[in-house]
Amino acid sequence: MRRILAPARQRQLLFIETLIDNDDWITLASISQKIGCSERILKNDITDLNLLFAPFSIDTSRKNGVRIEYPVNYSIDYIYTVFLQESIEFRLLEMLFSAKDVSESDIYETLYISDSSLKRLINRVNVILAEHSIYISTKPYNLCGDELAIRNFITHYYGEKYPRGNLPYSTEQLNFLTAVFKRFAKKNRYHAELSRCQPVTFSDLI
């Protein structure tokens, strides 16, 4: 999923993961060698990341290098969530998943993106999505391809972006989904009992 992120964001994500895995001071030189970019770029990334990921903070020291500090009740999951929330690539994919036949004007207004930037973004993302038998069609814009692959992709995406269940749906929509799940669970329990398989339980439902 990270390959869909813009190249700069992929680099920044690897930067943060390196800091968290190290859990101590580390020089920018060793990180730049591992990531494959200059120390100057990493210094610019530090400023950007400290603004984006508070309360995570990348500390710098001329003597020791850099390290990352964050509260004990936070984890790397928070980092993944924020990356997905601010990613224009994933915002576009969520927009296409949530609606059918999306117009260019809707995309421009929602994502504040130019026509040329949108074309480049879709071309790049489609190369990656093609590996999963998915693609973005244009004029109107839709998320197309293998239906099961699309559902699996969106399920994993929602699980990482909304880890606490704060899904972007109204109460009415959530109530409808709950009713659907309950109906599925009821039928599954009936068929499971007939075939002597393990039926869906309440914990599975929630």
N, C-alpha and C. Protein backbone atom coordinates (compact mmCIF):
# COMPACT_ATOMS: atom_id res chain seq x y z
N MET A 1 0.83 -1.20 0.00
CA MET A 1 0.00 0.00 0.00
C MET A 1 0.86 1.26 0.00
N ARG A 2 2.02 1.20 0.63
CA ARG A 2 2.87 2.38 0.73
C ARG A 2 3.39 2.83 -0.63
N ARG A 3 3.45 1.92 -1.60
CA ARG A 3 3.95 2.28 -2.92
C ARG A 3 3.05 3.27 -3.63
N ILE A 4 1.81 3.38 -3.19
CA ILE A 4 0.89 4.34 -3.79
C ILE A 4 1.21 5.76 -3.32
N LEU A 5 1.83 5.89 -2.17
CA LEU A 5 2.22 7.21 -1.68
C LEU A 5 3.17 7.88 -2.66
N ALA A 6 3.18 9.20 -2.65
CA ALA A 6 4.15 9.95 -3.45
C ALA A 6 5.56 9.57 -3.03
N PRO A 7 6.53 9.56 -3.94
CA PRO A 7 7.90 9.16 -3.62
C PRO A 7 8.48 9.88 -2.40
N ALA A 8 8.21 11.17 -2.27
CA ALA A 8 8.73 11.91 -1.11
C ALA A 8 8.14 11.39 0.19
N ARG A 9 6.86 11.03 0.17
CA ARG A 9 6.22 10.50 1.38
C ARG A 9 6.73 9.10 1.69
N GLN A 10 7.02 8.32 0.66
CA GLN A 10 7.60 7.00 0.90
C GLN A 10 8.95 7.14 1.61
N ARG A 11 9.75 8.10 1.16
CA ARG A 11 11.05 8.34 1.79
C ARG A 11 10.87 8.78 3.24
N GLN A 12 9.95 9.68 3.49
CA GLN A 12 9.73 10.17 4.85
C GLN A 12 9.21 9.08 5.77
N LEU A 13 8.37 8.20 5.24
CA LEU A 13 7.88 7.09 6.03
C LEU A 13 9.03 6.15 6.41
N LEU A 14 9.91 5.85 5.47
CA LEU A 14 11.07 5.01 5.75
C LEU A 14 11.99 5.69 6.76
N PHE A 15 12.10 7.00 6.66
CA PHE A 15 12.91 7.78 7.61
C PHE A 15 12.38 7.59 9.03
N ILE A 16 11.08 7.77 9.22
CA ILE A 16 10.48 7.63 10.54
C ILE A 16 10.60 6.20 11.05
N GLU A 17 10.34 5.23 10.18
CA GLU A 17 10.45 3.82 10.60
C GLU A 17 11.88 3.49 11.04
N THR A 18 12.86 4.06 10.37
CA THR A 18 14.26 3.84 10.75
C THR A 18 14.54 4.40 12.13
N LEU A 19 14.00 5.60 12.40
CA LEU A 19 14.20 6.22 13.71
C LEU A 19 13.52 5.42 14.82
N ILE A 20 12.31 4.95 14.56
CA ILE A 20 11.58 4.18 15.57
C ILE A 20 12.25 2.83 15.82
N ASP A 21 12.70 2.18 14.76
CA ASP A 21 13.36 0.88 14.92
C ASP A 21 14.68 1.03 15.67
N ASN A 22 15.38 2.14 15.46
CA ASN A 22 16.67 2.35 16.12
C ASN A 22 16.51 2.65 17.61
N ASP A 23 15.48 3.46 17.93
CA ASP A 23 15.16 3.79 19.33
C ASP A 23 16.33 4.41 20.09
N ASP A 24 17.15 5.17 19.39
CA ASP A 24 18.28 5.85 20.02
C ASP A 24 18.81 6.88 19.03
N TRP A 25 19.85 7.59 19.45
CA TRP A 25 20.48 8.54 18.55
C TRP A 25 21.11 7.80 17.37
N ILE A 26 21.01 8.40 16.18
CA ILE A 26 21.61 7.84 14.98
C ILE A 26 22.01 8.99 14.06
N THR A 27 23.10 8.85 13.35
CA THR A 27 23.57 9.95 12.51
C THR A 27 22.76 10.04 11.22
N LEU A 28 22.65 11.27 10.71
CA LEU A 28 21.96 11.46 9.44
C LEU A 28 22.70 10.77 8.31
N ALA A 29 24.03 10.69 8.44
CA ALA A 29 24.83 10.06 7.40
C ALA A 29 24.44 8.59 7.23
N SER A 30 24.25 7.88 8.33
CA SER A 30 23.90 6.46 8.24
C SER A 30 22.48 6.29 7.70
N ILE A 31 21.58 7.20 8.06
CA ILE A 31 20.20 7.12 7.55
C ILE A 31 20.16 7.43 6.06
N SER A 32 20.90 8.46 5.65
CA SER A 32 20.90 8.84 4.24
C SER A 32 21.46 7.73 3.37
N GLN A 33 22.44 7.01 3.90
CA GLN A 33 23.01 5.88 3.16
C GLN A 33 22.00 4.75 3.03
N LYS A 34 21.25 4.50 4.10
CA LYS A 34 20.26 3.43 4.07
C LYS A 34 19.10 3.78 3.16
N ILE A 35 18.63 5.02 3.22
CA ILE A 35 17.46 5.43 2.45
C ILE A 35 17.82 5.75 1.00
N GLY A 36 19.05 6.25 0.79
CA GLY A 36 19.47 6.60 -0.55
C GLY A 36 19.13 8.01 -0.95
N CYS A 37 19.32 8.94 -0.02
CA CYS A 37 19.11 10.35 -0.32
C CYS A 37 20.15 11.17 0.43
N SER A 38 20.19 12.46 0.17
CA SER A 38 21.19 13.31 0.80
C SER A 38 20.78 13.70 2.21
N GLU A 39 21.77 14.11 3.02
CA GLU A 39 21.49 14.59 4.36
C GLU A 39 20.69 15.88 4.31
N ARG A 40 20.93 16.69 3.29
CA ARG A 40 20.19 17.96 3.15
C ARG A 40 18.69 17.69 3.00
N ILE A 41 18.35 16.68 2.21
CA ILE A 41 16.93 16.32 2.03
C ILE A 41 16.33 15.86 3.36
N LEU A 42 17.08 15.07 4.11
CA LEU A 42 16.58 14.60 5.40
C LEU A 42 16.37 15.75 6.37
N LYS A 43 17.25 16.74 6.34
CA LYS A 43 17.10 17.90 7.22
C LYS A 43 15.81 18.65 6.88
N ASN A 44 15.51 18.76 5.60
CA ASN A 44 14.25 19.40 5.19
C ASN A 44 13.05 18.55 5.61
N ASP A 45 13.23 17.22 5.53
CA ASP A 45 12.14 16.32 5.94
C ASP A 45 11.84 16.47 7.43
N ILE A 46 12.87 16.68 8.24
CA ILE A 46 12.67 16.80 9.69
C ILE A 46 11.73 17.95 10.00
N THR A 47 11.93 19.09 9.34
CA THR A 47 11.06 20.25 9.55
C THR A 47 9.63 19.92 9.16
N ASP A 48 9.46 19.28 8.02
CA ASP A 48 8.13 18.92 7.52
C ASP A 48 7.45 17.92 8.44
N LEU A 49 8.18 16.89 8.86
CA LEU A 49 7.60 15.82 9.68
C LEU A 49 7.25 16.29 11.08
N ASN A 50 8.06 17.18 11.64
CA ASN A 50 7.76 17.69 12.98
C ASN A 50 6.47 18.50 12.99
N LEU A 51 6.16 19.14 11.89
CA LEU A 51 4.91 19.89 11.78
C LEU A 51 3.73 18.95 11.58
N LEU A 52 3.95 17.90 10.84
CA LEU A 52 2.86 17.00 10.45
C LEU A 52 2.49 15.99 11.52
N PHE A 53 3.47 15.53 12.29
CA PHE A 53 3.24 14.37 13.15
C PHE A 53 3.29 14.65 14.65
N ALA A 54 3.11 15.88 15.06
CA ALA A 54 3.03 16.14 16.50
C ALA A 54 1.93 15.27 17.10
N PRO A 55 2.16 14.65 18.28
CA PRO A 55 3.24 14.87 19.25
C PRO A 55 4.53 14.09 19.00
N PHE A 56 4.67 13.40 17.88
CA PHE A 56 5.97 12.83 17.53
C PHE A 56 6.94 13.98 17.25
N SER A 57 8.16 13.83 17.68
CA SER A 57 9.14 14.90 17.49
C SER A 57 10.51 14.30 17.17
N ILE A 58 11.11 14.78 16.08
CA ILE A 58 12.45 14.34 15.71
C ILE A 58 13.44 15.35 16.28
N ASP A 59 14.22 14.92 17.26
CA ASP A 59 15.21 15.79 17.90
C ASP A 59 16.53 15.70 17.14
N THR A 60 17.26 16.81 17.12
CA THR A 60 18.54 16.84 16.44
C THR A 60 19.65 17.27 17.40
N SER A 61 20.84 16.74 17.16
CA SER A 61 22.01 17.06 17.97
C SER A 61 23.25 17.02 17.07
N ARG A 62 24.06 18.06 17.14
CA ARG A 62 25.28 18.08 16.33
C ARG A 62 26.21 16.93 16.71
N LYS A 63 26.19 16.58 17.98
CA LYS A 63 27.09 15.55 18.47
C LYS A 63 26.54 14.14 18.21
N ASN A 64 25.24 13.94 18.46
CA ASN A 64 24.68 12.58 18.43
C ASN A 64 23.90 12.22 17.17
N GLY A 65 23.41 13.22 16.46
CA GLY A 65 22.63 12.96 15.26
C GLY A 65 21.16 13.27 15.47
N VAL A 66 20.28 12.29 15.24
CA VAL A 66 18.84 12.51 15.38
C VAL A 66 18.21 11.33 16.12
N ARG A 67 17.06 11.59 16.73
CA ARG A 67 16.26 10.53 17.34
C ARG A 67 14.82 10.99 17.35
N ILE A 68 13.90 10.05 17.56
CA ILE A 68 12.49 10.39 17.58
C ILE A 68 11.93 10.17 18.97
N GLU A 69 11.10 11.11 19.42
CA GLU A 69 10.46 11.05 20.72
C GLU A 69 8.95 11.10 20.53
N TYR A 70 8.21 10.30 21.33
CA TYR A 70 6.76 10.33 21.25
C TYR A 70 6.17 9.75 22.53
N PRO A 71 4.94 10.13 22.88
CA PRO A 71 4.30 9.64 24.11
C PRO A 71 4.15 8.12 24.10
N VAL A 72 4.12 7.53 25.26
CA VAL A 72 4.05 6.07 25.38
C VAL A 72 2.74 5.51 24.85
N ASN A 73 1.70 6.34 24.81
CA ASN A 73 0.40 5.84 24.34
C ASN A 73 0.25 5.98 22.83
N TYR A 74 1.33 6.32 22.14
CA TYR A 74 1.32 6.39 20.68
C TYR A 74 2.18 5.28 20.11
N SER A 75 1.94 4.94 18.84
CA SER A 75 2.73 3.91 18.18
C SER A 75 2.89 4.26 16.71
N ILE A 76 3.55 3.40 15.97
CA ILE A 76 3.75 3.60 14.54
C ILE A 76 2.43 3.63 13.80
N ASP A 77 1.38 3.04 14.37
CA ASP A 77 0.07 3.05 13.71
C ASP A 77 -0.43 4.47 13.48
N TYR A 78 -0.11 5.36 14.43
CA TYR A 78 -0.50 6.77 14.28
C TYR A 78 0.16 7.38 13.05
N ILE A 79 1.41 7.03 12.82
CA ILE A 79 2.15 7.54 11.67
C ILE A 79 1.48 7.09 10.37
N TYR A 80 1.14 5.81 10.30
CA TYR A 80 0.50 5.30 9.10
C TYR A 80 -0.85 5.99 8.86
N THR A 81 -1.59 6.21 9.93
CA THR A 81 -2.89 6.86 9.81
C THR A 81 -2.76 8.27 9.24
N VAL A 82 -1.81 9.04 9.76
CA VAL A 82 -1.64 10.41 9.29
C VAL A 82 -1.17 10.45 7.85
N PHE A 83 -0.25 9.56 7.48
CA PHE A 83 0.20 9.51 6.09
C PHE A 83 -0.98 9.26 5.15
N LEU A 84 -1.87 8.36 5.52
CA LEU A 84 -3.02 8.05 4.68
C LEU A 84 -4.00 9.22 4.64
N GLN A 85 -4.17 9.90 5.76
CA GLN A 85 -5.12 11.01 5.83
C GLN A 85 -4.69 12.18 4.96
N GLU A 86 -3.40 12.42 4.86
CA GLU A 86 -2.94 13.58 4.10
C GLU A 86 -2.51 13.23 2.67
N SER A 87 -2.50 11.96 2.34
CA SER A 87 -2.08 11.53 1.01
C SER A 87 -3.13 11.86 -0.04
N ILE A 88 -2.77 12.62 -1.04
CA ILE A 88 -3.72 12.97 -2.09
C ILE A 88 -4.08 11.75 -2.91
N GLU A 89 -3.15 10.80 -3.01
CA GLU A 89 -3.42 9.57 -3.75
C GLU A 89 -4.55 8.76 -3.09
N PHE A 90 -4.44 8.59 -1.79
CA PHE A 90 -5.45 7.79 -1.09
C PHE A 90 -6.75 8.56 -0.89
N ARG A 91 -6.67 9.88 -0.81
CA ARG A 91 -7.90 10.67 -0.75
C ARG A 91 -8.69 10.52 -2.04
N LEU A 92 -7.98 10.46 -3.17
CA LEU A 92 -8.66 10.25 -4.45
C LEU A 92 -9.29 8.86 -4.49
N LEU A 93 -8.55 7.85 -4.06
CA LEU A 93 -9.08 6.48 -4.09
C LEU A 93 -10.31 6.33 -3.19
N GLU A 94 -10.27 6.95 -2.02
CA GLU A 94 -11.43 6.89 -1.12
C GLU A 94 -12.62 7.62 -1.74
N MET A 95 -12.34 8.72 -2.41
CA MET A 95 -13.39 9.48 -3.07
C MET A 95 -14.07 8.64 -4.16
N LEU A 96 -13.27 7.90 -4.92
CA LEU A 96 -13.81 7.07 -6.00
C LEU A 96 -14.54 5.85 -5.46
N PHE A 97 -14.09 5.35 -4.32
CA PHE A 97 -14.76 4.20 -3.72
C PHE A 97 -16.11 4.60 -3.14
N SER A 98 -16.21 5.82 -2.66
CA SER A 98 -17.42 6.28 -1.97
C SER A 98 -18.50 6.76 -2.93
N ALA A 99 -18.13 7.05 -4.18
CA ALA A 99 -19.11 7.59 -5.13
C ALA A 99 -18.85 7.02 -6.52
N LYS A 100 -19.89 7.04 -7.34
CA LYS A 100 -19.78 6.54 -8.71
C LYS A 100 -19.82 7.70 -9.69
N ASP A 101 -19.08 7.55 -10.79
CA ASP A 101 -19.05 8.55 -11.86
C ASP A 101 -18.68 9.93 -11.32
N VAL A 102 -17.52 10.01 -10.69
CA VAL A 102 -17.04 11.28 -10.14
C VAL A 102 -16.54 12.16 -11.27
N SER A 103 -16.90 13.43 -11.23
CA SER A 103 -16.51 14.36 -12.29
C SER A 103 -15.16 15.01 -12.00
N GLU A 104 -14.54 15.56 -13.04
CA GLU A 104 -13.28 16.26 -12.86
C GLU A 104 -13.44 17.45 -11.92
N SER A 105 -14.53 18.18 -12.08
CA SER A 105 -14.74 19.36 -11.24
C SER A 105 -14.82 18.99 -9.77
N ASP A 106 -15.44 17.83 -9.46
CA ASP A 106 -15.53 17.38 -8.07
C ASP A 106 -14.13 17.10 -7.52
N ILE A 107 -13.30 16.47 -8.35
CA ILE A 107 -11.93 16.14 -7.91
C ILE A 107 -11.11 17.41 -7.71
N TYR A 108 -11.20 18.34 -8.67
CA TYR A 108 -10.45 19.59 -8.56
C TYR A 108 -10.84 20.35 -7.29
N GLU A 109 -12.15 20.39 -7.03
CA GLU A 109 -12.65 21.15 -5.88
C GLU A 109 -12.28 20.50 -4.56
N THR A 110 -12.28 19.17 -4.51
CA THR A 110 -12.01 18.45 -3.27
C THR A 110 -10.51 18.34 -2.97
N LEU A 111 -9.72 18.06 -3.99
CA LEU A 111 -8.29 17.80 -3.79
C LEU A 111 -7.40 19.00 -4.11
N TYR A 112 -7.98 20.06 -4.69
CA TYR A 112 -7.19 21.24 -5.07
C TYR A 112 -6.00 20.84 -5.93
N ILE A 113 -6.29 20.16 -7.03
CA ILE A 113 -5.26 19.62 -7.90
C ILE A 113 -5.51 20.09 -9.33
N SER A 114 -4.44 20.30 -10.09
CA SER A 114 -4.57 20.75 -11.46
C SER A 114 -4.83 19.57 -12.39
N ASP A 115 -5.21 19.87 -13.61
CA ASP A 115 -5.50 18.81 -14.59
C ASP A 115 -4.26 17.99 -14.89
N SER A 116 -3.13 18.65 -15.10
CA SER A 116 -1.90 17.93 -15.42
C SER A 116 -1.43 17.08 -14.25
N SER A 117 -1.56 17.61 -13.03
CA SER A 117 -1.16 16.86 -11.84
C SER A 117 -2.05 15.63 -11.64
N LEU A 118 -3.34 15.79 -11.92
CA LEU A 118 -4.27 14.68 -11.78
C LEU A 118 -3.94 13.56 -12.77
N LYS A 119 -3.61 13.93 -13.98
CA LYS A 119 -3.27 12.93 -15.00
C LYS A 119 -2.01 12.16 -14.60
N ARG A 120 -1.00 12.88 -14.12
CA ARG A 120 0.24 12.23 -13.70
C ARG A 120 -0.01 11.31 -12.52
N LEU A 121 -0.84 11.78 -11.57
CA LEU A 121 -1.14 10.98 -10.39
C LEU A 121 -1.84 9.69 -10.78
N ILE A 122 -2.85 9.78 -11.63
CA ILE A 122 -3.62 8.59 -12.03
C ILE A 122 -2.74 7.62 -12.81
N ASN A 123 -1.90 8.14 -13.69
CA ASN A 123 -1.00 7.25 -14.46
C ASN A 123 -0.07 6.48 -13.53
N ARG A 124 0.47 7.16 -12.53
CA ARG A 124 1.40 6.51 -11.61
C ARG A 124 0.68 5.50 -10.72
N VAL A 125 -0.48 5.87 -10.20
CA VAL A 125 -1.23 4.98 -9.32
C VAL A 125 -1.76 3.77 -10.09
N ASN A 126 -2.17 3.97 -11.32
CA ASN A 126 -2.71 2.86 -12.11
C ASN A 126 -1.66 1.78 -12.38
N VAL A 127 -0.40 2.18 -12.49
CA VAL A 127 0.67 1.20 -12.68
C VAL A 127 0.72 0.24 -11.49
N ILE A 128 0.55 0.79 -10.29
CA ILE A 128 0.60 -0.02 -9.07
C ILE A 128 -0.68 -0.82 -8.89
N LEU A 129 -1.82 -0.18 -9.14
CA LEU A 129 -3.10 -0.87 -8.98
C LEU A 129 -3.26 -2.02 -9.97
N ALA A 130 -2.62 -1.91 -11.13
CA ALA A 130 -2.74 -2.96 -12.14
C ALA A 130 -2.24 -4.30 -11.61
N GLU A 131 -1.31 -4.27 -10.66
CA GLU A 131 -0.80 -5.50 -10.07
C GLU A 131 -1.89 -6.24 -9.28
N HIS A 132 -2.95 -5.51 -8.93
CA HIS A 132 -4.06 -6.10 -8.16
C HIS A 132 -5.34 -6.17 -8.99
N SER A 133 -5.19 -6.02 -10.31
CA SER A 133 -6.35 -6.08 -11.23
C SER A 133 -7.36 -4.97 -10.95
N ILE A 134 -6.84 -3.79 -10.58
CA ILE A 134 -7.67 -2.62 -10.31
C ILE A 134 -7.13 -1.46 -11.15
N TYR A 135 -8.01 -0.54 -11.54
CA TYR A 135 -7.55 0.65 -12.24
C TYR A 135 -8.56 1.79 -12.06
N ILE A 136 -8.09 3.01 -12.31
CA ILE A 136 -8.96 4.18 -12.25
C ILE A 136 -9.34 4.56 -13.67
N SER A 137 -10.62 4.53 -13.97
CA SER A 137 -11.10 4.98 -15.28
C SER A 137 -11.36 6.49 -15.21
N THR A 138 -11.40 7.14 -16.37
CA THR A 138 -11.54 8.60 -16.39
C THR A 138 -12.74 9.04 -17.22
N LYS A 139 -13.24 10.21 -16.84
CA LYS A 139 -14.30 10.93 -17.56
C LYS A 139 -15.52 10.05 -17.85
N PRO A 140 -16.35 9.70 -16.89
CA PRO A 140 -16.21 10.01 -15.47
C PRO A 140 -15.20 9.10 -14.79
N TYR A 141 -14.82 9.48 -13.58
CA TYR A 141 -13.80 8.76 -12.84
C TYR A 141 -14.43 7.70 -11.94
N ASN A 142 -13.91 6.49 -12.06
CA ASN A 142 -14.40 5.37 -11.25
C ASN A 142 -13.25 4.46 -10.88
N LEU A 143 -13.44 3.71 -9.79
CA LEU A 143 -12.50 2.67 -9.40
C LEU A 143 -13.02 1.37 -9.98
N CYS A 144 -12.29 0.79 -10.93
CA CYS A 144 -12.77 -0.35 -11.68
C CYS A 144 -11.84 -1.56 -11.54
N GLY A 145 -12.33 -2.71 -12.01
CA GLY A 145 -11.52 -3.91 -11.99
C GLY A 145 -12.18 -5.03 -11.21
N ASP A 146 -11.35 -5.93 -10.72
CA ASP A 146 -11.84 -7.08 -9.96
C ASP A 146 -12.53 -6.61 -8.68
N GLU A 147 -13.82 -6.93 -8.54
CA GLU A 147 -14.61 -6.43 -7.40
C GLU A 147 -14.05 -6.90 -6.06
N LEU A 148 -13.66 -8.16 -5.98
CA LEU A 148 -13.12 -8.69 -4.73
C LEU A 148 -11.81 -8.01 -4.39
N ALA A 149 -10.98 -7.76 -5.38
CA ALA A 149 -9.70 -7.08 -5.14
C ALA A 149 -9.93 -5.66 -4.64
N ILE A 150 -10.93 -4.99 -5.20
CA ILE A 150 -11.25 -3.62 -4.75
C ILE A 150 -11.71 -3.64 -3.30
N ARG A 151 -12.59 -4.59 -2.95
CA ARG A 151 -13.09 -4.67 -1.58
C ARG A 151 -11.97 -4.98 -0.60
N ASN A 152 -11.09 -5.90 -0.97
CA ASN A 152 -9.95 -6.23 -0.09
C ASN A 152 -9.04 -5.03 0.10
N PHE A 153 -8.80 -4.33 -0.99
CA PHE A 153 -7.92 -3.16 -0.94
C PHE A 153 -8.50 -2.09 -0.01
N ILE A 154 -9.78 -1.77 -0.21
CA ILE A 154 -10.42 -0.73 0.59
C ILE A 154 -10.53 -1.15 2.05
N THR A 155 -10.78 -2.44 2.30
CA THR A 155 -10.87 -2.93 3.68
C THR A 155 -9.56 -2.71 4.42
N HIS A 156 -8.45 -3.05 3.78
CA HIS A 156 -7.13 -2.85 4.41
C HIS A 156 -6.84 -1.35 4.58
N TYR A 157 -7.24 -0.57 3.60
CA TYR A 157 -7.02 0.88 3.68
C TYR A 157 -7.80 1.49 4.83
N TYR A 158 -9.09 1.14 4.94
CA TYR A 158 -9.91 1.69 6.02
C TYR A 158 -9.39 1.21 7.38
N GLY A 159 -8.90 -0.02 7.44
CA GLY A 159 -8.37 -0.54 8.70
C GLY A 159 -7.16 0.23 9.20
N GLU A 160 -6.35 0.74 8.26
CA GLU A 160 -5.16 1.49 8.65
C GLU A 160 -5.47 2.97 8.87
N LYS A 161 -6.38 3.52 8.07
CA LYS A 161 -6.68 4.95 8.21
C LYS A 161 -7.61 5.23 9.38
N TYR A 162 -8.52 4.29 9.68
CA TYR A 162 -9.48 4.49 10.76
C TYR A 162 -9.34 3.34 11.77
N PRO A 163 -8.19 3.24 12.44
CA PRO A 163 -7.95 2.10 13.34
C PRO A 163 -8.88 2.04 14.54
N ARG A 164 -9.47 3.16 14.91
CA ARG A 164 -10.36 3.18 16.08
C ARG A 164 -11.82 3.15 15.68
N GLY A 165 -12.08 2.85 14.43
CA GLY A 165 -13.46 2.72 13.99
C GLY A 165 -14.15 4.02 13.69
N ASN A 166 -13.41 5.13 13.58
CA ASN A 166 -14.02 6.43 13.29
C ASN A 166 -14.27 6.56 11.79
N LEU A 167 -15.14 5.72 11.27
CA LEU A 167 -15.39 5.69 9.84
C LEU A 167 -16.13 6.95 9.38
N PRO A 168 -15.86 7.39 8.15
CA PRO A 168 -16.45 8.65 7.65
C PRO A 168 -17.86 8.47 7.13
N TYR A 169 -18.74 7.88 7.94
CA TYR A 169 -20.11 7.65 7.52
C TYR A 169 -21.08 8.22 8.55
N SER A 170 -22.28 8.54 8.08
CA SER A 170 -23.31 9.07 8.96
C SER A 170 -23.87 7.95 9.83
N THR A 171 -24.61 8.34 10.86
CA THR A 171 -25.24 7.36 11.75
C THR A 171 -26.20 6.46 10.97
N GLU A 172 -26.94 7.05 10.02
CA GLU A 172 -27.88 6.28 9.23
C GLU A 172 -27.15 5.22 8.39
N GLN A 173 -26.03 5.60 7.80
CA GLN A 173 -25.27 4.66 7.00
C GLN A 173 -24.69 3.52 7.85
N LEU A 174 -24.19 3.88 9.03
CA LEU A 174 -23.63 2.87 9.91
C LEU A 174 -24.71 1.91 10.42
N ASN A 175 -25.89 2.47 10.71
CA ASN A 175 -27.00 1.62 11.14
C ASN A 175 -27.41 0.64 10.04
N PHE A 176 -27.39 1.12 8.79
CA PHE A 176 -27.72 0.25 7.66
C PHE A 176 -26.69 -0.88 7.53
N LEU A 177 -25.39 -0.53 7.66
CA LEU A 177 -24.34 -1.54 7.57
C LEU A 177 -24.47 -2.56 8.70
N THR A 178 -24.81 -2.08 9.89
CA THR A 178 -24.98 -2.98 11.03
C THR A 178 -26.11 -3.97 10.77
N ALA A 179 -27.21 -3.46 10.19
CA ALA A 179 -28.35 -4.34 9.87
C ALA A 179 -27.96 -5.40 8.84
N VAL A 180 -27.16 -4.99 7.86
CA VAL A 180 -26.70 -5.94 6.84
C VAL A 180 -25.83 -7.02 7.48
N PHE A 181 -24.90 -6.60 8.35
CA PHE A 181 -24.01 -7.55 9.01
C PHE A 181 -24.80 -8.52 9.90
N LYS A 182 -25.79 -8.00 10.59
CA LYS A 182 -26.59 -8.86 11.45
C LYS A 182 -27.37 -9.89 10.63
N ARG A 183 -27.88 -9.45 9.49
CA ARG A 183 -28.62 -10.38 8.63
C ARG A 183 -27.68 -11.46 8.09
N PHE A 184 -26.47 -11.03 7.71
CA PHE A 184 -25.48 -12.00 7.24
C PHE A 184 -25.12 -12.99 8.34
N ALA A 185 -24.94 -12.46 9.56
CA ALA A 185 -24.56 -13.31 10.69
C ALA A 185 -25.66 -14.34 10.99
N LYS A 186 -26.92 -13.88 10.90
CA LYS A 186 -28.04 -14.78 11.17
C LYS A 186 -28.08 -15.92 10.15
N LYS A 187 -27.91 -15.58 8.87
CA LYS A 187 -27.92 -16.61 7.83
C LYS A 187 -26.72 -17.53 7.96
N ASN A 188 -25.58 -16.93 8.28
CA ASN A 188 -24.35 -17.72 8.43
C ASN A 188 -24.48 -18.71 9.58
N ARG A 189 -25.10 -18.26 10.67
CA ARG A 189 -25.28 -19.14 11.84
C ARG A 189 -26.19 -20.32 11.47
N TYR A 190 -27.24 -20.03 10.69
CA TYR A 190 -28.17 -21.08 10.29
C TYR A 190 -27.48 -22.11 9.40
N HIS A 191 -26.76 -21.64 8.38
CA HIS A 191 -26.09 -22.55 7.46
C HIS A 191 -24.92 -23.27 8.14
N ALA A 192 -24.28 -22.60 9.07
CA ALA A 192 -23.16 -23.23 9.78
C ALA A 192 -23.64 -24.37 10.65
N GLU A 193 -24.81 -24.16 11.29
CA GLU A 193 -25.36 -25.21 12.14
C GLU A 193 -25.76 -26.43 11.31
N LEU A 194 -26.28 -26.19 10.09
CA LEU A 194 -26.67 -27.30 9.22
C LEU A 194 -25.45 -28.09 8.75
N SER A 195 -24.35 -27.36 8.51
CA SER A 195 -23.15 -28.04 8.00
C SER A 195 -22.17 -28.39 9.12
N ARG A 196 -22.57 -28.10 10.38
CA ARG A 196 -21.75 -28.39 11.55
C ARG A 196 -20.42 -27.62 11.54
N CYS A 197 -20.43 -26.43 10.92
CA CYS A 197 -19.27 -25.53 10.96
C CYS A 197 -19.45 -24.55 12.11
N GLN A 198 -18.41 -23.80 12.41
CA GLN A 198 -18.48 -22.82 13.48
C GLN A 198 -19.27 -21.59 13.03
N PRO A 199 -20.39 -21.27 13.65
CA PRO A 199 -21.20 -20.12 13.22
C PRO A 199 -20.56 -18.80 13.64
N VAL A 200 -21.00 -17.70 13.02
CA VAL A 200 -20.53 -16.36 13.38
C VAL A 200 -21.02 -16.04 14.77
N THR A 201 -20.14 -15.52 15.63
CA THR A 201 -20.50 -15.14 16.99
C THR A 201 -20.62 -13.63 17.09
N PHE A 202 -21.05 -13.16 18.26
CA PHE A 202 -21.18 -11.73 18.47
C PHE A 202 -19.85 -11.00 18.31
N SER A 203 -18.77 -11.61 18.78
CA SER A 203 -17.45 -10.99 18.67
C SER A 203 -17.01 -10.86 17.22
N ASP A 204 -17.44 -11.81 16.37
CA ASP A 204 -17.13 -11.70 14.95
C ASP A 204 -17.88 -10.53 14.34
N LEU A 205 -19.11 -10.34 14.78
CA LEU A 205 -19.97 -9.30 14.22
C LEU A 205 -19.43 -7.91 14.50
N ILE A 206 -18.95 -7.69 15.75
CA ILE A 206 -18.48 -6.36 16.11
C ILE A 206 -17.05 -6.15 15.69
